[in-house]
Protein backbone atom coordinates (compact mmCIF):
# COMPACT_ATOMS: atom_id res chain seq x y z
CA MET A 1 94.59 85.13 -52.26
CA ALA A 2 96.04 83.95 -49.36
CA GLY A 3 93.93 86.21 -47.45
CA GLU A 4 90.91 85.52 -49.20
CA THR A 5 91.42 81.76 -48.59
CA ALA A 6 91.85 82.64 -44.62
CA ILE A 7 88.64 84.65 -44.91
CA ASP A 8 87.10 82.04 -46.96
CA ASP A 9 87.81 79.50 -44.24
CA TYR A 10 87.20 81.63 -41.57
CA GLU A 11 83.91 82.11 -43.24
CA ASN A 12 83.12 78.49 -43.21
CA PHE A 13 84.78 77.79 -39.84
CA ASN A 14 82.23 80.44 -38.38
CA LEU A 15 79.16 78.90 -40.49
CA GLU A 16 80.56 75.50 -39.32
CA SER A 17 80.71 76.34 -36.17
CA GLU A 18 77.48 77.86 -35.94
CA GLN A 19 76.34 74.39 -37.43
CA ASN A 20 78.03 72.43 -34.87
CA GLN A 21 76.73 74.45 -31.57
CA GLN A 22 73.46 74.53 -33.43
CA GLN A 23 74.03 70.78 -34.00
CA ALA A 24 75.07 70.70 -30.07
CA LYS A 25 72.10 72.40 -29.08
CA TRP A 26 69.51 70.30 -30.67
CA ILE A 27 71.70 67.20 -30.32
CA PRO A 28 70.76 67.35 -26.35
CA ASP A 29 66.71 67.96 -27.04
CA SER A 30 66.77 65.17 -29.31
CA ARG A 31 67.97 62.83 -26.78
CA PHE A 32 65.79 64.45 -23.91
CA LYS A 33 62.96 64.32 -26.74
CA SER A 34 63.84 60.60 -27.58
CA HIS A 35 64.54 59.70 -24.07
CA ILE A 36 60.88 60.82 -23.06
CA CYS A 37 59.18 59.13 -26.28
CA GLY A 38 61.28 56.20 -25.42
CA LYS A 39 59.70 56.06 -21.74
CA GLY A 40 55.74 56.73 -23.32
CA LEU A 41 56.84 53.91 -25.60
CA MET A 42 57.61 51.48 -22.60
CA LEU A 43 55.06 52.62 -20.31
CA LEU A 44 52.33 52.28 -23.38
CA ILE A 45 53.86 48.63 -24.02
CA PHE A 46 53.81 48.08 -20.43
CA ILE A 47 50.39 49.05 -20.24
CA VAL A 48 49.46 46.79 -23.22
CA LEU A 49 51.18 43.83 -21.86
CA SER A 50 49.66 44.37 -18.62
CA VAL A 51 45.56 44.69 -20.39
CA PHE A 52 46.98 41.75 -22.03
CA LEU A 53 48.37 39.47 -18.88
CA ILE A 54 44.82 40.69 -17.13
CA LEU A 55 42.76 39.76 -20.60
CA LEU A 56 44.49 36.72 -20.53
CA ILE A 57 44.16 36.06 -16.98
CA THR A 58 40.96 36.94 -16.94
CA GLY A 59 40.30 34.69 -20.23
CA VAL A 60 42.19 31.49 -18.58
CA ILE A 61 40.05 31.97 -15.42
CA LYS A 62 36.74 32.52 -17.36
CA CYS A 63 38.03 29.18 -19.29
CA SER A 64 38.48 27.31 -16.29
CA GLU A 65 35.17 28.02 -15.00
CA ALA A 66 33.96 27.27 -18.10
CA ASN A 67 35.61 23.83 -18.30
CA GLY A 68 34.12 22.93 -14.64
CA ALA A 69 31.15 24.20 -15.53
CA VAL A 70 31.04 22.08 -18.52
CA GLU A 71 32.42 19.33 -16.60
CA GLU A 72 29.73 19.78 -13.93
CA PHE A 73 27.36 19.97 -16.91
CA GLN A 74 28.51 17.04 -18.50
CA SER A 75 29.00 15.15 -15.49
CA GLN A 76 25.43 16.04 -14.08
CA VAL A 77 23.83 14.77 -17.82
CA GLN A 78 25.77 12.04 -17.60
CA MET A 79 24.16 11.21 -14.13
CA GLN A 80 20.60 11.87 -15.37
CA ILE A 81 21.26 10.06 -18.24
CA SER A 82 22.77 7.04 -16.06
CA GLN A 83 19.31 7.20 -13.87
CA THR A 84 17.24 7.43 -16.96
CA MET A 85 19.08 4.31 -18.34
CA ASN A 86 18.60 2.72 -14.88
CA ASN A 87 15.29 3.45 -14.84
CA VAL A 88 14.60 2.14 -18.15
CA SER A 89 16.65 -0.61 -17.21
CA ASP A 90 14.32 -1.22 -14.36
CA LYS A 91 10.91 -0.60 -16.27
CA SER A 92 12.23 -2.57 -18.65
CA GLU A 93 12.75 -5.75 -16.58
CA LEU A 94 9.75 -5.26 -14.27
CA THR A 95 7.86 -4.99 -18.07
CA GLU A 96 9.67 -8.11 -18.80
CA LEU A 97 8.60 -10.01 -15.49
CA GLU A 98 5.20 -9.18 -15.34
CA LEU A 99 4.76 -10.41 -18.83
CA ARG A 100 6.81 -13.63 -17.68
CA ILE A 101 4.56 -13.81 -14.70
CA ARG A 102 1.38 -12.99 -16.56
CA ASN A 103 2.38 -16.15 -18.94
CA GLU A 104 3.38 -18.42 -16.25
CA VAL A 105 0.03 -17.53 -14.93
CA THR A 106 -1.73 -17.88 -18.25
CA GLN A 107 -0.13 -21.22 -18.77
CA MET A 108 -0.76 -22.44 -14.87
CA GLY A 109 -4.34 -21.84 -15.21
CA ALA A 110 -4.79 -22.90 -18.62
CA ARG A 111 -3.08 -26.06 -16.65
CA VAL A 112 -5.76 -26.34 -14.00
CA LEU A 113 -8.90 -25.67 -16.35
CA GLU A 114 -7.18 -28.49 -18.15
CA GLU A 115 -6.73 -30.73 -14.87
CA LEU A 116 -10.19 -29.73 -13.56
CA SER A 117 -11.64 -30.60 -16.74
CA ARG A 118 -10.33 -34.17 -17.14
CA THR A 119 -10.95 -34.91 -13.35
CA LYS A 120 -14.36 -33.22 -13.97
CA ALA A 121 -14.96 -36.21 -16.86
CA ASN A 122 -13.77 -38.62 -14.78
CA LEU A 123 -16.29 -37.90 -11.83
CA ILE A 124 -18.85 -37.50 -14.25
CA SER A 125 -18.07 -40.53 -16.20
CA THR A 126 -17.68 -42.85 -12.71
CA MET A 127 -20.69 -41.05 -11.40
CA SER A 128 -22.42 -42.43 -14.75
CA ARG A 129 -21.18 -46.02 -14.30
CA LYS A 130 -22.64 -45.69 -10.17
CA LEU A 131 -25.92 -44.66 -11.14
CA GLU A 132 -26.15 -47.00 -13.71
CA MET A 133 -25.17 -49.70 -10.58
CA LEU A 134 -28.14 -47.83 -9.01
CA PRO A 135 -31.39 -49.83 -8.36
CA GLU A 136 -34.68 -47.76 -10.54
CA PRO A 137 -36.35 -45.75 -8.06
CA GLY A 138 -39.03 -48.59 -7.74
CA ASP A 139 -36.48 -50.82 -6.47
CA LEU A 140 -35.14 -49.13 -4.21
CA SER A 141 -36.86 -50.71 -1.27
CA GLU A 142 -35.98 -53.81 -3.06
CA ALA A 143 -32.26 -52.66 -2.22
CA CYS A 144 -32.74 -52.08 1.24
CA GLN A 145 -34.77 -55.42 1.78
CA ASN A 146 -30.82 -56.77 0.65
CA LEU A 147 -29.43 -54.83 3.41
CA GLN A 148 -31.93 -55.66 6.24
CA CYS A 149 -34.66 -57.61 5.02
CA PRO A 150 -34.70 -61.25 3.57
CA HIS A 151 -35.68 -61.77 -0.04
CA ASN A 152 -38.61 -60.23 -1.34
CA TRP A 153 -39.37 -58.50 1.67
CA MET A 154 -40.29 -54.86 2.00
CA TYR A 155 -38.24 -52.50 4.31
CA PHE A 156 -40.00 -49.98 5.92
CA ASN A 157 -39.14 -47.64 9.19
CA GLU A 158 -36.90 -50.69 10.78
CA SER A 159 -39.13 -53.24 9.95
CA CYS A 160 -39.46 -55.90 7.35
CA TYR A 161 -42.91 -56.71 5.46
CA TYR A 162 -44.21 -59.73 3.79
CA PHE A 163 -46.86 -59.18 1.08
CA SER A 164 -48.26 -62.97 -0.26
CA THR A 165 -49.20 -63.37 -3.47
CA LYS A 166 -51.33 -66.36 -2.84
CA ARG A 167 -54.56 -66.27 -0.67
CA ALA A 168 -55.30 -68.66 2.67
CA SER A 169 -57.05 -68.84 5.53
CA TRP A 170 -55.88 -66.30 8.69
CA ASN A 171 -55.31 -69.40 10.29
CA MET A 172 -52.54 -70.70 7.52
CA SER A 173 -51.18 -67.21 6.87
CA SER A 174 -50.20 -66.67 10.73
CA LEU A 175 -48.62 -70.28 10.06
CA TYR A 176 -47.26 -69.17 7.67
CA CYS A 177 -45.63 -66.29 8.55
CA SER A 178 -44.61 -68.43 12.04
CA LEU A 179 -43.02 -70.83 10.03
CA ARG A 180 -40.25 -67.90 9.20
CA GLY A 181 -39.69 -66.73 12.92
CA THR A 182 -42.78 -63.73 12.43
CA HIS A 183 -46.09 -63.04 12.70
CA LEU A 184 -48.95 -61.23 10.76
CA LEU A 185 -48.91 -57.48 10.71
CA VAL A 186 -49.52 -55.33 13.68
CA ILE A 187 -50.14 -51.98 13.31
CA ASN A 188 -48.94 -49.16 15.73
CA SER A 189 -48.87 -46.21 13.74
CA ILE A 190 -50.99 -44.16 11.24
CA ILE A 191 -47.58 -44.24 9.72
CA GLU A 192 -47.56 -47.99 9.09
CA GLN A 193 -51.21 -47.87 8.27
CA HIS A 194 -50.77 -45.74 5.41
CA PHE A 195 -47.80 -47.36 3.92
CA VAL A 196 -49.76 -50.51 4.16
CA THR A 197 -52.43 -49.35 2.32
CA LEU A 198 -50.16 -48.02 -0.51
CA GLU A 199 -48.60 -51.61 -0.69
CA THR A 200 -52.27 -53.37 -1.07
CA GLU A 201 -53.66 -51.44 -3.35
CA SER A 202 -57.48 -52.86 -4.19
CA ARG A 203 -56.65 -56.19 -2.54
CA ARG A 204 -57.70 -57.38 0.86
CA PHE A 205 -54.59 -58.55 3.14
CA TRP A 206 -55.47 -60.54 6.76
CA ILE A 207 -53.81 -58.76 9.35
CA GLY A 208 -52.51 -59.99 12.90
CA LEU A 209 -55.94 -59.00 14.78
CA THR A 210 -58.40 -61.35 16.18
CA ASP A 211 -60.84 -61.85 19.11
CA HIS A 212 -60.46 -66.04 19.14
CA ASN A 213 -60.02 -66.06 22.68
CA SER A 214 -62.84 -64.04 23.81
CA GLU A 215 -65.71 -62.07 21.71
CA ASN A 216 -65.52 -58.47 21.13
CA LYS A 217 -62.34 -58.60 23.33
CA TRP A 218 -59.80 -58.12 20.25
CA GLN A 219 -56.24 -59.07 20.54
CA TRP A 220 -52.92 -58.15 18.75
CA VAL A 221 -50.91 -61.56 17.86
CA ASP A 222 -47.31 -60.39 19.58
CA GLY A 223 -49.00 -59.21 22.48
CA THR A 224 -49.73 -55.46 21.95
CA ASP A 225 -52.13 -53.61 23.94
CA TYR A 226 -55.07 -52.89 21.74
CA GLU A 227 -57.14 -50.60 23.92
CA THR A 228 -53.59 -48.44 23.82
CA THR A 229 -53.31 -48.33 19.95
CA GLN A 230 -54.63 -46.31 16.89
CA LYS A 231 -57.67 -48.16 15.62
CA PHE A 232 -58.88 -47.80 11.50
CA TRP A 233 -62.09 -49.44 11.41
CA MET A 234 -64.50 -48.77 8.66
CA PRO A 235 -67.64 -47.23 9.69
CA GLY A 236 -69.91 -49.56 11.22
CA GLU A 237 -67.40 -52.27 11.84
CA PRO A 238 -66.59 -54.42 13.89
CA ASN A 239 -70.04 -56.02 13.16
CA SER A 240 -70.65 -59.53 13.30
CA VAL A 241 -70.36 -62.40 15.72
CA ASP A 242 -68.85 -64.90 13.57
CA GLU A 243 -66.52 -62.54 12.42
CA GLY A 244 -63.88 -63.52 14.36
CA CYS A 245 -60.19 -62.18 12.75
CA VAL A 246 -59.51 -58.66 10.88
CA HIS A 247 -58.22 -57.88 7.19
CA LEU A 248 -57.44 -54.64 5.31
CA TRP A 249 -60.52 -53.93 2.90
CA MET A 250 -59.46 -52.58 -0.13
CA ASN A 251 -59.48 -48.48 0.75
CA GLY A 252 -56.99 -50.39 3.85
CA MET A 253 -59.72 -49.64 6.64
CA TRP A 254 -60.12 -52.38 8.59
CA ASN A 255 -62.94 -55.03 8.51
CA ASP A 256 -63.69 -57.89 10.47
CA ALA A 257 -64.02 -61.03 8.48
CA PRO A 258 -65.01 -65.14 9.04
CA CYS A 259 -61.54 -66.37 9.67
CA SER A 260 -62.13 -68.98 7.39
CA MET A 261 -62.42 -66.81 4.21
CA LYS A 262 -59.36 -66.78 1.81
CA ASP A 263 -57.24 -63.75 1.39
CA TYR A 264 -53.59 -62.35 0.90
CA PHE A 265 -52.00 -61.37 3.96
CA ILE A 266 -49.08 -59.46 5.66
CA CYS A 267 -45.89 -60.76 7.57
CA GLU A 268 -43.72 -58.34 9.53
CA LYS A 269 -40.53 -58.53 11.49
CA GLU A 270 -37.81 -56.45 12.76
CA ALA A 271 -34.90 -55.43 10.32
CA HIS A 272 -31.61 -56.70 10.71
CA GLN A 273 -29.41 -53.97 12.17
C-alpha cells in the first residue's frame, strides 16, 4: 500500500513535473509574446496618437486660417458696408442739398418775379400818370411854346411864330410885330416855306417882303439878302406896279398885293435858348 502510494506519488510527481516543465516552457513564450503584443499595442497607440495629433494640429491650423479668412472677409465686408453707407450718406446729403438749393432757387425766382411784377406795375402806373400829364400830339407845339416861345406862339426850327387871328394892313401888321420886339415873317429856306404853308391852310398871310423903297427891288424887313434866298412866287408873280407888299396865297405861294389890303399876318422871332 505504501509502495503503491509511493508510486502514485511518483507518477503524480512526474505528471506535475511535466506540467510544471510545460508551464515553465510556456511561461517564457507567453511573456515574450505578451511583450511583443504590448509593444505592438503601444506602437499602434503611438501611431494613432500621432495621427490624431497631426490631424489635431492640422485642424487647428486650418481652423486658425479659416478664422483669419473669416475675420478678413468680415473686415472687408464691414469696410465695403461702411463705404457703401458713406456713399449712400453722401448721396443722400447731395440729394438733400440739391433739393434745398432747388427750393431756394424756386423761392428766389418767385420773389424776383413778384418784385419784377410789382416794379412793372409801379412803372406802368407812373408812366400812365406821366402820359396823362403830357399834352396831346396836337398840343406838342404848344408845349414847346411854353418852354421857348411866348404864349400863343408856335415853335419851329429854333424860331417862334405868331399866326394872327385878325386881319390888318401890311403896315399895321408890321407895326404889331415891331411893338413885340419882332418882325413879319422872313422865309430863309424851303423847310420854313413848307412849315408856314401847312399852318396857313386856306387863308392869306402877310410876310415881311416889300418893295417900298424902290419899285421891283424886293427887300426883307430884317435885312436878309433877297437875291441869295430861295423864292416861291406864284407863276407870273410879281406882276403889278401898285402891289408893293407880299402875302402867302391860299396855296402858300407868294403873291404881291396892295399894302393897304387887310390880311392875316405872321410874326417871327428867335426862340429863347
